[in-house]
PDB file of N, CA and C in Angstrom:
ATOM      1  N   UNK A   1       2.202  -5.007  -2.488  1.00  0.00           N
ATOM      2  CA  UNK A   1       0.988  -5.767  -2.251  1.00  0.00           C
ATOM      3  C   UNK A   1      -0.209  -4.883  -2.547  1.00  0.00           C
ATOM      4  N   UNK A   2      -1.244  -5.501  -3.002  1.00  0.00           N
ATOM      5  CA  UNK A   2      -2.440  -4.763  -3.341  1.00  0.00           C
ATOM      6  C   UNK A   2      -3.264  -5.555  -4.336  1.00  0.00           C
ATOM      7  N   UNK A   3      -4.057  -4.844  -5.086  1.00  0.00           N
ATOM      8  CA  UNK A   3      -4.989  -5.470  -6.012  1.00  0.00           C
ATOM      9  C   UNK A   3      -4.599  -5.170  -7.446  1.00  0.00           C
ATOM     10  N   UNK A   4      -4.478  -6.216  -8.246  1.00  0.00           N
ATOM     11  CA  UNK A   4      -4.221  -6.110  -9.674  1.00  0.00           C
ATOM     12  C   UNK A   4      -5.301  -6.898 -10.402  1.00  0.00           C
ATOM     13  N   UNK A   5      -5.262  -6.825 -11.719  1.00  0.00           N
ATOM     14  CA  UNK A   5      -6.287  -7.460 -12.537  1.00  0.00           C
ATOM     15  C   UNK A   5      -5.636  -8.116 -13.751  1.00  0.00           C
ATOM     16  N   UNK A   6      -6.287  -9.132 -14.267  1.00  0.00           N
ATOM     17  CA  UNK A   6      -5.851  -9.669 -15.539  1.00  0.00           C
ATOM     18  C   UNK A   6      -6.275  -8.692 -16.635  1.00  0.00           C
ATOM     19  N   UNK A   7      -5.692  -8.796 -17.787  1.00  0.00           N
ATOM     20  CA  UNK A   7      -6.053  -8.029 -18.982  1.00  0.00           C
ATOM     21  C   UNK A   7      -5.685  -6.546 -18.928  1.00  0.00           C
ATOM     22  N   UNK A   8      -5.013  -6.089 -17.865  1.00  0.00           N
ATOM     23  CA  UNK A   8      -4.620  -4.675 -17.804  1.00  0.00           C
ATOM     24  C   UNK A   8      -3.575  -4.488 -16.709  1.00  0.00           C
ATOM     25  N   UNK A   9      -3.038  -3.270 -16.666  1.00  0.00           N
ATOM     26  CA  UNK A   9      -2.012  -2.935 -15.680  1.00  0.00           C
ATOM     27  C   UNK A   9      -2.551  -2.126 -14.503  1.00  0.00           C
ATOM     28  N   UNK A  10      -3.871  -1.971 -14.410  1.00  0.00           N
ATOM     29  CA  UNK A  10      -4.449  -1.219 -13.286  1.00  0.00           C
ATOM     30  C   UNK A  10      -4.076  -1.897 -11.970  1.00  0.00           C
ATOM     31  N   UNK A  11      -3.759  -1.090 -10.966  1.00  0.00           N
ATOM     32  CA  UNK A  11      -3.358  -1.607  -9.663  1.00  0.00           C
ATOM     33  C   UNK A  11      -3.677  -0.565  -8.590  1.00  0.00           C
ATOM     34  N   UNK A  12      -4.203  -1.027  -7.483  1.00  0.00           N
ATOM     35  CA  UNK A  12      -4.436  -0.182  -6.302  1.00  0.00           C
ATOM     36  C   UNK A  12      -3.952  -0.939  -5.077  1.00  0.00           C
ATOM     37  N   UNK A  13      -3.600  -0.210  -4.042  1.00  0.00           N
ATOM     38  CA  UNK A  13      -3.453  -0.844  -2.739  1.00  0.00           C
ATOM     39  C   UNK A  13      -4.877  -1.227  -2.317  1.00  0.00           C
ATOM     40  N   UNK A  14      -5.007  -2.103  -1.349  1.00  0.00           N
ATOM     41  CA  UNK A  14      -6.359  -2.477  -0.915  1.00  0.00           C
ATOM     42  C   UNK A  14      -7.109  -1.272  -0.360  1.00  0.00           C
ATOM     43  N   UNK A  15      -6.424  -0.472   0.443  1.00  0.00           N
ATOM     44  CA  UNK A  15      -7.055   0.735   0.981  1.00  0.00           C
ATOM     45  C   UNK A  15      -7.383   1.729  -0.125  1.00  0.00           C
ATOM     46  N   UNK A  16      -6.491   1.857  -1.095  1.00  0.00           N
ATOM     47  CA  UNK A  16      -6.725   2.757  -2.213  1.00  0.00           C
ATOM     48  C   UNK A  16      -7.915   2.334  -3.046  1.00  0.00           C
ATOM     49  N   UNK A  17      -8.082   1.012  -3.240  1.00  0.00           N
ATOM     50  CA  UNK A  17      -9.222   0.515  -4.010  1.00  0.00           C
ATOM     51  C   UNK A  17     -10.518   0.768  -3.254  1.00  0.00           C
ATOM     52  N   UNK A  18     -10.476   0.618  -1.953  1.00  0.00           N
ATOM     53  CA  UNK A  18     -11.652   0.929  -1.126  1.00  0.00           C
ATOM     54  C   UNK A  18     -12.034   2.400  -1.288  1.00  0.00           C
ATOM     55  N   UNK A  19     -11.058   3.284  -1.197  1.00  0.00           N
ATOM     56  CA  UNK A  19     -11.321   4.718  -1.361  1.00  0.00           C
ATOM     57  C   UNK A  19     -11.821   5.037  -2.766  1.00  0.00           C
ATOM     58  N   UNK A  20     -11.255   4.388  -3.770  1.00  0.00           N
ATOM     59  CA  UNK A  20     -11.692   4.566  -5.149  1.00  0.00           C
ATOM     60  C   UNK A  20     -13.166   4.185  -5.302  1.00  0.00           C
ATOM     61  N   UNK A  21     -13.541   3.067  -4.725  1.00  0.00           N
ATOM     62  CA  UNK A  21     -14.950   2.647  -4.823  1.00  0.00           C
ATOM     63  C   UNK A  21     -15.866   3.621  -4.080  1.00  0.00           C
ATOM     64  N   UNK A  22     -15.422   4.164  -2.977  1.00  0.00           N
ATOM     65  CA  UNK A  22     -16.228   5.180  -2.282  1.00  0.00           C
ATOM     66  C   UNK A  22     -16.409   6.413  -3.158  1.00  0.00           C
ATOM     67  N   UNK A  23     -15.372   6.780  -3.878  1.00  0.00           N
ATOM     68  CA  UNK A  23     -15.479   7.914  -4.807  1.00  0.00           C
ATOM     69  C   UNK A  23     -16.479   7.608  -5.923  1.00  0.00           C
ATOM     70  N   UNK A  24     -16.475   6.376  -6.420  1.00  0.00           N
ATOM     71  CA  UNK A  24     -17.429   5.993  -7.462  1.00  0.00           C
ATOM     72  C   UNK A  24     -18.868   6.089  -6.955  1.00  0.00           C
ATOM     73  N   UNK A  25     -19.093   5.633  -5.736  1.00  0.00           N
ATOM     74  CA  UNK A  25     -20.439   5.734  -5.148  1.00  0.00           C
ATOM     75  C   UNK A  25     -20.844   7.196  -5.052  1.00  0.00           C
ATOM     76  N   UNK A  26     -19.962   8.026  -4.519  1.00  0.00           N
ATOM     77  CA  UNK A  26     -20.274   9.447  -4.376  1.00  0.00           C
ATOM     78  C   UNK A  26     -20.559  10.085  -5.728  1.00  0.00           C
ATOM     79  N   UNK A  27     -19.790   9.730  -6.737  1.00  0.00           N
ATOM     80  CA  UNK A  27     -19.996  10.284  -8.075  1.00  0.00           C
ATOM     81  C   UNK A  27     -21.329   9.832  -8.648  1.00  0.00           C
ATOM     82  N   UNK A  28     -21.669   8.583  -8.447  1.00  0.00           N
ATOM     83  CA  UNK A  28     -22.939   8.056  -8.941  1.00  0.00           C
ATOM     84  C   UNK A  28     -24.120   8.720  -8.250  1.00  0.00           C
ATOM     85  N   UNK A  29     -23.971   8.996  -6.969  1.00  0.00           N
ATOM     86  CA  UNK A  29     -25.061   9.601  -6.197  1.00  0.00           C
ATOM     87  C   UNK A  29     -25.251  11.083  -6.497  1.00  0.00           C
ATOM     88  N   UNK A  30     -24.309  11.700  -7.183  1.00  0.00           N
ATOM     89  CA  UNK A  30     -24.453  13.119  -7.529  1.00  0.00           C
ATOM     90  C   UNK A  30     -25.711  13.357  -8.352  1.00  0.00           C
ATOM     91  N   UNK A  31     -26.084  12.354  -9.137  1.00  0.00           N
ATOM     92  CA  UNK A  31     -27.264  12.507 -10.016  1.00  0.00           C
ATOM     93  C   UNK A  31     -28.470  11.751  -9.515  1.00  0.00           C
ATOM     94  N   UNK A  32     -28.282  10.512  -9.134  1.00  0.00           N
ATOM     95  CA  UNK A  32     -29.402   9.652  -8.770  1.00  0.00           C
ATOM     96  C   UNK A  32     -29.003   8.742  -7.616  1.00  0.00           C
ATOM     97  N   UNK A  33     -30.003   8.251  -6.877  1.00  0.00           N
ATOM     98  CA  UNK A  33     -29.693   7.208  -5.897  1.00  0.00           C
ATOM     99  C   UNK A  33     -29.103   5.996  -6.615  1.00  0.00           C
ATOM    100  N   UNK A  34     -28.316   5.231  -5.929  1.00  0.00           N
ATOM    101  CA  UNK A  34     -27.648   4.078  -6.515  1.00  0.00           C
ATOM    102  C   UNK A  34     -28.561   2.857  -6.456  1.00  0.00           C
ATOM    103  N   UNK A  35     -29.276   2.560  -7.554  1.00  0.00           N
ATOM    104  CA  UNK A  35     -30.144   1.383  -7.541  1.00  0.00           C
ATOM    105  C   UNK A  35     -29.311   0.106  -7.643  1.00  0.00           C
ATOM    106  N   UNK A  36     -29.886  -1.008  -7.238  1.00  0.00           N
ATOM    107  CA  UNK A  36     -29.155  -2.275  -7.292  1.00  0.00           C
ATOM    108  C   UNK A  36     -28.895  -2.743  -8.714  1.00  0.00           C
ATOM    109  N   UNK A  37     -29.608  -2.194  -9.699  1.00  0.00           N
ATOM    110  CA  UNK A  37     -29.332  -2.570 -11.085  1.00  0.00           C
ATOM    111  C   UNK A  37     -28.359  -1.606 -11.758  1.00  0.00           C
ATOM    112  N   UNK A  38     -27.805  -0.661 -11.002  1.00  0.00           N
ATOM    113  CA  UNK A  38     -26.778   0.242 -11.508  1.00  0.00           C
ATOM    114  C   UNK A  38     -25.585  -0.600 -11.939  1.00  0.00           C
ATOM    115  N   UNK A  39     -25.101  -0.443 -13.184  1.00  0.00           N
ATOM    116  CA  UNK A  39     -23.993  -1.285 -13.655  1.00  0.00           C
ATOM    117  C   UNK A  39     -22.756  -1.249 -12.769  1.00  0.00           C
ATOM    118  N   UNK A  40     -22.416  -0.092 -12.216  1.00  0.00           N
ATOM    119  CA  UNK A  40     -21.189   0.029 -11.433  1.00  0.00           C
ATOM    120  C   UNK A  40     -21.279  -0.749 -10.118  1.00  0.00           C
ATOM    121  N   UNK A  41     -22.494  -1.130  -9.712  1.00  0.00           N
ATOM    122  CA  UNK A  41     -22.673  -1.877  -8.465  1.00  0.00           C
ATOM    123  C   UNK A  41     -21.870  -3.178  -8.471  1.00  0.00           C
ATOM    124  N   UNK A  42     -21.729  -3.799  -9.657  1.00  0.00           N
ATOM    125  CA  UNK A  42     -20.946  -5.037  -9.749  1.00  0.00           C
ATOM    126  C   UNK A  42     -19.495  -4.856  -9.353  1.00  0.00           C
ATOM    127  N   UNK A  43     -18.962  -3.672  -9.568  1.00  0.00           N
ATOM    128  CA  UNK A  43     -17.583  -3.378  -9.164  1.00  0.00           C
ATOM    129  C   UNK A  43     -17.537  -2.885  -7.722  1.00  0.00           C
ATOM    130  N   UNK A  44     -18.492  -2.073  -7.343  1.00  0.00           N
ATOM    131  CA  UNK A  44     -18.505  -1.503  -5.996  1.00  0.00           C
ATOM    132  C   UNK A  44     -18.689  -2.585  -4.933  1.00  0.00           C
ATOM    133  N   UNK A  45     -19.553  -3.541  -5.204  1.00  0.00           N
ATOM    134  CA  UNK A  45     -19.869  -4.570  -4.212  1.00  0.00           C
ATOM    135  C   UNK A  45     -18.943  -5.779  -4.299  1.00  0.00           C
ATOM    136  N   UNK A  46     -18.037  -5.795  -5.250  1.00  0.00           N
ATOM    137  CA  UNK A  46     -17.162  -6.949  -5.462  1.00  0.00           C
ATOM    138  C   UNK A  46     -16.114  -7.045  -4.365  1.00  0.00           C
ATOM    139  N   UNK A  47     -15.701  -8.261  -4.063  1.00  0.00           N
ATOM    140  CA  UNK A  47     -14.593  -8.482  -3.134  1.00  0.00           C
ATOM    141  C   UNK A  47     -13.377  -7.699  -3.613  1.00  0.00           C
ATOM    142  N   UNK A  48     -12.596  -7.194  -2.697  1.00  0.00           N
ATOM    143  CA  UNK A  48     -11.428  -6.426  -3.113  1.00  0.00           C
ATOM    144  C   UNK A  48     -10.146  -7.247  -3.097  1.00  0.00           C
ATOM    145  N   UNK A  49     -10.255  -8.555  -3.010  1.00  0.00           N
ATOM    146  CA  UNK A  49      -9.021  -9.336  -2.981  1.00  0.00           C
ATOM    147  C   UNK A  49      -9.020 -10.549  -3.899  1.00  0.00           C
ATOM    148  N   UNK A  50     -10.149 -10.934  -4.440  1.00  0.00           N
ATOM    149  CA  UNK A  50     -10.156 -12.082  -5.349  1.00  0.00           C
ATOM    150  C   UNK A  50     -11.462 -12.100  -6.122  1.00  0.00           C
ATOM    151  N   UNK A  51     -11.601 -13.088  -6.982  1.00  0.00           N
ATOM    152  CA  UNK A  51     -12.820 -13.237  -7.747  1.00  0.00           C
ATOM    153  C   UNK A  51     -12.649 -12.740  -9.166  1.00  0.00           C
ATOM    154  N   UNK A  52     -13.785 -12.563  -9.834  1.00  0.00           N
ATOM    155  CA  UNK A  52     -13.746 -12.166 -11.230  1.00  0.00           C
ATOM    156  C   UNK A  52     -15.041 -11.485 -11.631  1.00  0.00           C
ATOM    157  N   UNK A  53     -14.967 -10.776 -12.743  1.00  0.00           N
ATOM    158  CA  UNK A  53     -16.144 -10.208 -13.389  1.00  0.00           C
ATOM    159  C   UNK A  53     -16.313 -10.945 -14.704  1.00  0.00           C
ATOM    160  N   UNK A  54     -17.513 -11.383 -15.002  1.00  0.00           N
ATOM    161  CA  UNK A  54     -17.777 -12.113 -16.242  1.00  0.00           C
ATOM    162  C   UNK A  54     -17.650 -11.179 -17.442  1.00  0.00           C
ATOM    163  N   UNK A  55     -17.518 -11.732 -18.639  1.00  0.00           N
ATOM    164  CA  UNK A  55     -17.491 -10.878 -19.823  1.00  0.00           C
ATOM    165  C   UNK A  55     -18.737  -9.989 -19.919  1.00  0.00           C
ATOM    166  N   UNK A  56     -19.881 -10.531 -19.557  1.00  0.00           N
ATOM    167  CA  UNK A  56     -21.120  -9.753 -19.600  1.00  0.00           C
ATOM    168  C   UNK A  56     -21.086  -8.594 -18.618  1.00  0.00           C
ATOM    169  N   UNK A  57     -20.594  -8.841 -17.412  1.00  0.00           N
ATOM    170  CA  UNK A  57     -20.462  -7.772 -16.425  1.00  0.00           C
ATOM    171  C   UNK A  57     -19.487  -6.709 -16.922  1.00  0.00           C
ATOM    172  N   UNK A  58     -18.384  -7.148 -17.499  1.00  0.00           N
ATOM    173  CA  UNK A  58     -17.390  -6.199 -18.010  1.00  0.00           C
ATOM    174  C   UNK A  58     -18.000  -5.283 -19.064  1.00  0.00           C
ATOM    175  N   UNK A  59     -18.836  -5.837 -19.929  1.00  0.00           N
ATOM    176  CA  UNK A  59     -19.456  -5.034 -20.991  1.00  0.00           C
ATOM    177  C   UNK A  59     -20.388  -3.961 -20.453  1.00  0.00           C
ATOM    178  N   UNK A  60     -21.004  -4.204 -19.306  1.00  0.00           N
ATOM    179  CA  UNK A  60     -21.904  -3.199 -18.739  1.00  0.00           C
ATOM    180  C   UNK A  60     -21.181  -2.250 -17.784  1.00  0.00           C
ATOM    181  N   UNK A  61     -20.176  -2.745 -17.082  1.00  0.00           N
ATOM    182  CA  UNK A  61     -19.473  -1.918 -16.105  1.00  0.00           C
ATOM    183  C   UNK A  61     -18.519  -0.939 -16.777  1.00  0.00           C
ATOM    184  N   UNK A  62     -17.780  -1.371 -17.781  1.00  0.00           N
ATOM    185  CA  UNK A  62     -16.742  -0.526 -18.397  1.00  0.00           C
ATOM    186  C   UNK A  62     -17.269   0.830 -18.869  1.00  0.00           C
ATOM    187  N   UNK A  63     -18.365   0.895 -19.637  1.00  0.00           N
ATOM    188  CA  UNK A  63     -18.808   2.223 -20.079  1.00  0.00           C
ATOM    189  C   UNK A  63     -19.301   3.105 -18.928  1.00  0.00           C
ATOM    190  N   UNK A  64     -19.922   2.498 -17.937  1.00  0.00           N
ATOM    191  CA  UNK A  64     -20.385   3.277 -16.789  1.00  0.00           C
ATOM    192  C   UNK A  64     -19.202   3.795 -15.980  1.00  0.00           C
ATOM    193  N   UNK A  65     -18.180   2.968 -15.843  1.00  0.00           N
ATOM    194  CA  UNK A  65     -16.973   3.387 -15.137  1.00  0.00           C
ATOM    195  C   UNK A  65     -16.346   4.588 -15.847  1.00  0.00           C
ATOM    196  N   UNK A  66     -16.235   4.509 -17.152  1.00  0.00           N
ATOM    197  CA  UNK A  66     -15.680   5.631 -17.923  1.00  0.00           C
ATOM    198  C   UNK A  66     -16.526   6.899 -17.750  1.00  0.00           C
ATOM    199  N   UNK A  67     -17.829   6.720 -17.767  1.00  0.00           N
ATOM    200  CA  UNK A  67     -18.740   7.860 -17.611  1.00  0.00           C
ATOM    201  C   UNK A  67     -18.548   8.545 -16.260  1.00  0.00           C
ATOM    202  N   UNK A  68     -18.447   7.762 -15.204  1.00  0.00           N
ATOM    203  CA  UNK A  68     -18.320   8.332 -13.862  1.00  0.00           C
ATOM    204  C   UNK A  68     -16.997   9.055 -13.656  1.00  0.00           C
ATOM    205  N   UNK A  69     -15.902   8.465 -14.119  1.00  0.00           N
ATOM    206  CA  UNK A  69     -14.600   9.092 -13.871  1.00  0.00           C
ATOM    207  C   UNK A  69     -14.289  10.216 -14.853  1.00  0.00           C
ATOM    208  N   UNK A  70     -15.067  10.350 -15.907  1.00  0.00           N
ATOM    209  CA  UNK A  70     -14.836  11.414 -16.888  1.00  0.00           C
ATOM    210  C   UNK A  70     -14.957  12.796 -16.254  1.00  0.00           C
ATOM    211  N   UNK A  71     -15.659  12.909 -15.149  1.00  0.00           N
ATOM    212  CA  UNK A  71     -15.831  14.195 -14.455  1.00  0.00           C
ATOM    213  C   UNK A  71     -14.638  14.548 -13.579  1.00  0.00           C
ATOM    214  N   UNK A  72     -13.749  13.597 -13.349  1.00  0.00           N
ATOM    215  CA  UNK A  72     -12.587  13.828 -12.504  1.00  0.00           C
ATOM    216  C   UNK A  72     -11.475  14.454 -13.339  1.00  0.00           C
ATOM    217  N   UNK A  73     -10.550  15.172 -12.716  1.00  0.00           N
ATOM    218  CA  UNK A  73      -9.447  15.778 -13.475  1.00  0.00           C
ATOM    219  C   UNK A  73      -8.663  14.727 -14.270  1.00  0.00           C
ATOM    220  N   UNK A  74      -8.194  15.106 -15.446  1.00  0.00           N
ATOM    221  CA  UNK A  74      -7.481  14.166 -16.322  1.00  0.00           C
ATOM    222  C   UNK A  74      -6.232  13.589 -15.663  1.00  0.00           C
ATOM    223  N   UNK A  75      -5.602  14.354 -14.750  1.00  0.00           N
ATOM    224  CA  UNK A  75      -4.381  13.873 -14.104  1.00  0.00           C
ATOM    225  C   UNK A  75      -4.648  13.157 -12.773  1.00  0.00           C
ATOM    226  N   UNK A  76      -5.917  12.901 -12.469  1.00  0.00           N
ATOM    227  CA  UNK A  76      -6.293  12.195 -11.236  1.00  0.00           C
ATOM    228  C   UNK A  76      -5.827  10.739 -11.341  1.00  0.00           C
ATOM    229  N   UNK A  77      -5.079  10.290 -10.334  1.00  0.00           N
ATOM    230  CA  UNK A  77      -4.514   8.938 -10.352  1.00  0.00           C
ATOM    231  C   UNK A  77      -5.613   7.884 -10.449  1.00  0.00           C
ATOM    232  N   UNK A  78      -6.682   8.017  -9.668  1.00  0.00           N
ATOM    233  CA  UNK A  78      -7.777   7.046  -9.725  1.00  0.00           C
ATOM    234  C   UNK A  78      -8.438   7.039 -11.104  1.00  0.00           C
ATOM    235  N   UNK A  79      -8.589   8.213 -11.696  1.00  0.00           N
ATOM    236  CA  UNK A  79      -9.196   8.257 -13.034  1.00  0.00           C
ATOM    237  C   UNK A  79      -8.325   7.501 -14.038  1.00  0.00           C
ATOM    238  N   UNK A  80      -7.039   7.727 -13.989  1.00  0.00           N
ATOM    239  CA  UNK A  80      -6.139   7.053 -14.917  1.00  0.00           C
ATOM    240  C   UNK A  80      -6.183   5.540 -14.741  1.00  0.00           C
ATOM    241  N   UNK A  81      -6.188   5.079 -13.487  1.00  0.00           N
ATOM    242  CA  UNK A  81      -6.285   3.629 -13.234  1.00  0.00           C
ATOM    243  C   UNK A  81      -7.647   3.098 -13.671  1.00  0.00           C
ATOM    244  N   UNK A  82      -8.701   3.873 -13.431  1.00  0.00           N
ATOM    245  CA  UNK A  82     -10.048   3.442 -13.807  1.00  0.00           C
ATOM    246  C   UNK A  82     -10.176   3.283 -15.317  1.00  0.00           C
ATOM    247  N   UNK A  83      -9.583   4.202 -16.056  1.00  0.00           N
ATOM    248  CA  UNK A  83      -9.628   4.091 -17.512  1.00  0.00           C
ATOM    249  C   UNK A  83      -8.861   2.864 -17.983  1.00  0.00           C
ATOM    250  N   UNK A  84      -7.736   2.572 -17.338  1.00  0.00           N
ATOM    251  CA  UNK A  84      -6.980   1.359 -17.649  1.00  0.00           C
ATOM    252  C   UNK A  84      -7.808   0.118 -17.311  1.00  0.00           C
ATOM    253  N   UNK A  85      -8.490   0.150 -16.178  1.00  0.00           N
ATOM    254  CA  UNK A  85      -9.340  -0.967 -15.780  1.00  0.00           C
ATOM    255  C   UNK A  85     -10.482  -1.161 -16.780  1.00  0.00           C
ATOM    256  N   UNK A  86     -11.100  -0.088 -17.208  1.00  0.00           N
ATOM    257  CA  UNK A  86     -12.181  -0.183 -18.197  1.00  0.00           C
ATOM    258  C   UNK A  86     -11.667  -0.799 -19.495  1.00  0.00           C
ATOM    259  N   UNK A  87     -10.484  -0.411 -19.915  1.00  0.00           N
ATOM    260  CA  UNK A  87      -9.880  -1.014 -21.116  1.00  0.00           C
ATOM    261  C   UNK A  87      -9.649  -2.504 -20.907  1.00  0.00           C
ATOM    262  N   UNK A  88      -9.176  -2.873 -19.721  1.00  0.00           N
ATOM    263  CA  UNK A  88      -8.996  -4.294 -19.403  1.00  0.00           C
ATOM    264  C   UNK A  88     -10.305  -5.056 -19.432  1.00  0.00           C
ATOM    265  N   UNK A  89     -11.370  -4.439 -18.947  1.00  0.00           N
ATOM    266  CA  UNK A  89     -12.694  -5.077 -18.995  1.00  0.00           C
ATOM    267  C   UNK A  89     -13.129  -5.289 -20.442  1.00  0.00           C
ATOM    268  N   UNK A  90     -12.904  -4.283 -21.276  1.00  0.00           N
ATOM    269  CA  UNK A  90     -13.283  -4.393 -22.686  1.00  0.00           C
ATOM    270  C   UNK A  90     -12.463  -5.475 -23.390  1.00  0.00           C
ATOM    271  N   UNK A  91     -11.187  -5.556 -23.052  1.00  0.00           N
ATOM    272  CA  UNK A  91     -10.319  -6.585 -23.631  1.00  0.00           C
ATOM    273  C   UNK A  91     -10.775  -7.972 -23.202  1.00  0.00           C
ATOM    274  N   UNK A  92     -11.054  -8.130 -21.924  1.00  0.00           N
ATOM    275  CA  UNK A  92     -11.523  -9.423 -21.419  1.00  0.00           C
ATOM    276  C   UNK A  92     -12.818  -9.827 -22.109  1.00  0.00           C
ATOM    277  N   UNK A  93     -13.755  -8.904 -22.216  1.00  0.00           N
ATOM    278  CA  UNK A  93     -15.043  -9.205 -22.856  1.00  0.00           C
ATOM    279  C   UNK A  93     -14.858  -9.576 -24.320  1.00  0.00           C
ATOM    280  N   UNK A  94     -13.961  -8.863 -25.021  1.00  0.00           N
ATOM    281  CA  UNK A  94     -13.715  -9.146 -26.429  1.00  0.00           C
ATOM    282  C   UNK A  94     -13.130 -10.551 -26.624  1.00  0.00           C
ATOM    283  N   UNK A  95     -12.400 -11.026 -25.621  1.00  0.00           N
ATOM    284  CA  UNK A  95     -11.825 -12.366 -25.658  1.00  0.00           C
ATOM    285  C   UNK A  95     -12.776 -13.411 -25.061  1.00  0.00           C
ATOM    286  N   UNK A  96     -13.957 -12.972 -24.633  1.00  0.00           N
ATOM    287  CA  UNK A  96     -14.936 -13.830 -23.957  1.00  0.00           C
ATOM    288  C   UNK A  96     -14.314 -14.502 -22.732  1.00  0.00           C
ATOM    289  N   UNK A  97     -13.549 -13.699 -21.988  1.00  0.00           N
ATOM    290  CA  UNK A  97     -12.901 -14.168 -20.754  1.00  0.00           C
ATOM    291  C   UNK A  97     -13.334 -13.284 -19.593  1.00  0.00           C
ATOM    292  N   UNK A  98     -13.247 -13.835 -18.415  1.00  0.00           N
ATOM    293  CA  UNK A  98     -13.529 -13.057 -17.211  1.00  0.00           C
ATOM    294  C   UNK A  98     -12.315 -12.211 -16.849  1.00  0.00           C
ATOM    295  N   UNK A  99     -12.562 -11.054 -16.286  1.00  0.00           N
ATOM    296  CA  UNK A  99     -11.501 -10.217 -15.728  1.00  0.00           C
ATOM    297  C   UNK A  99     -11.324 -10.672 -14.288  1.00  0.00           C
ATOM    298  N   UNK A 100     -10.144 -11.173 -13.971  1.00  0.00           N
ATOM    299  CA  UNK A 100      -9.896 -11.691 -12.631  1.00  0.00           C
ATOM    300  C   UNK A 100      -9.206 -10.666 -11.755  1.00  0.00           C
ATOM    301  N   UNK A 101      -9.579 -10.655 -10.495  1.00  0.00           N
ATOM    302  CA  UNK A 101      -8.937  -9.845  -9.457  1.00  0.00           C
ATOM    303  C   UNK A 101      -7.796 -10.683  -8.893  1.00  0.00           C
ATOM    304  N   UNK A 102      -6.572 -10.160  -8.930  1.00  0.00           N
ATOM    305  CA  UNK A 102      -5.422 -10.962  -8.461  1.00  0.00           C
ATOM    306  C   UNK A 102      -4.580 -10.151  -7.490  1.00  0.00           C
TER     307      UNK A 102
END
C-alpha cells in the first residue's frame, strides 16, 4: 500500500512520500524562501492519496523537481524515485494527459 502514479513506476509509502516532500521543501529553502509561485509547490501541497497534476503543472514541476534532487547522492532512493516521477510528468504532458495519483 502506498502512493503510485500513472505514466511511471514511481512509488512511495504514504509516510515516505511525506518525508520526501519535506526534503524537497528543505532543499528549496537552501537558496530562497519558498514562494507560493514556486513550481514545486504544486507537488508539495498536493494530496498524498488521490488527485492529479495537469499537463501544464507537470511541465513546470518536472524540471524543478529534477533541479532540486540533482544535489542528492545518485544512489539516494528518493532521488531515483523523483527522477522517475519527473519522467512520468514529462510523458503525461507530452500526451496532453494529467498525471494521476493512485
